[in-house]
């Protein structure tokens, strides 16, 4: 089976120190559930596997046993060039994504050329009950809809989200910090009018103040908007 071949290859690339370091960063996974393959090696291996006709067999094996398999799966999906096929695989995989790293590193290149279709999916994902499906939706809005396709209704979508999940709220904060860097005048009222919950509001300001893309004057004003 292709999975046996993939596991054999992943174990050849194992770095135990890296595995133990990663295990401290991914709360949902233990060191026993990790092999310890560095991200650049996984990306390169995913490119090789994409050329294989039998790669679909690996993508069907869900859930995966190892974190590294999830990472590899995310990178393979990110390289699929056919939009419909890519989206089909994203929808199959998202319910099994259980950590921030796999969620954030899944970034299909083909989405850039299919923004109208992608937006429809984002609106569906953002209402999901699954933490990482919501996080992925916010990430896609941040990646594809803060530049030439920006519309004020997109930060409005994100601002309406209310969750007790740390990894959703952290992504909301990251979204607004990035939005302030790219669309400062349009997005600033969300902070001024306190449209986010207190923790997320303050975290968005913190991230903005840490950004080199925000001017000193803007940082000073944002600091004054922190909720005590």
Foldseek 3Di string as FASTA:
>chain_A
DVVVVVVVVLLVQADLVQLCVVQVVWVVDHSVQERHHDLVVLLVVLVVLLPDPCSVVLLPDPPDSHPSSLQSLLSNLQADQDVVVSVVSCVVNQVRDDTDVSLLSRHRPNCLVVVVVLLVVLVVQCPDPDQSSVLSSLNCCQVRALAPNDDLVSLVSLLPDDDPDPSSLLSNLVSLLSSCLRPVVSSVVCLQVVSHPQVSSQSNLVSNLVDPSADPVRNVVSVVSHDD
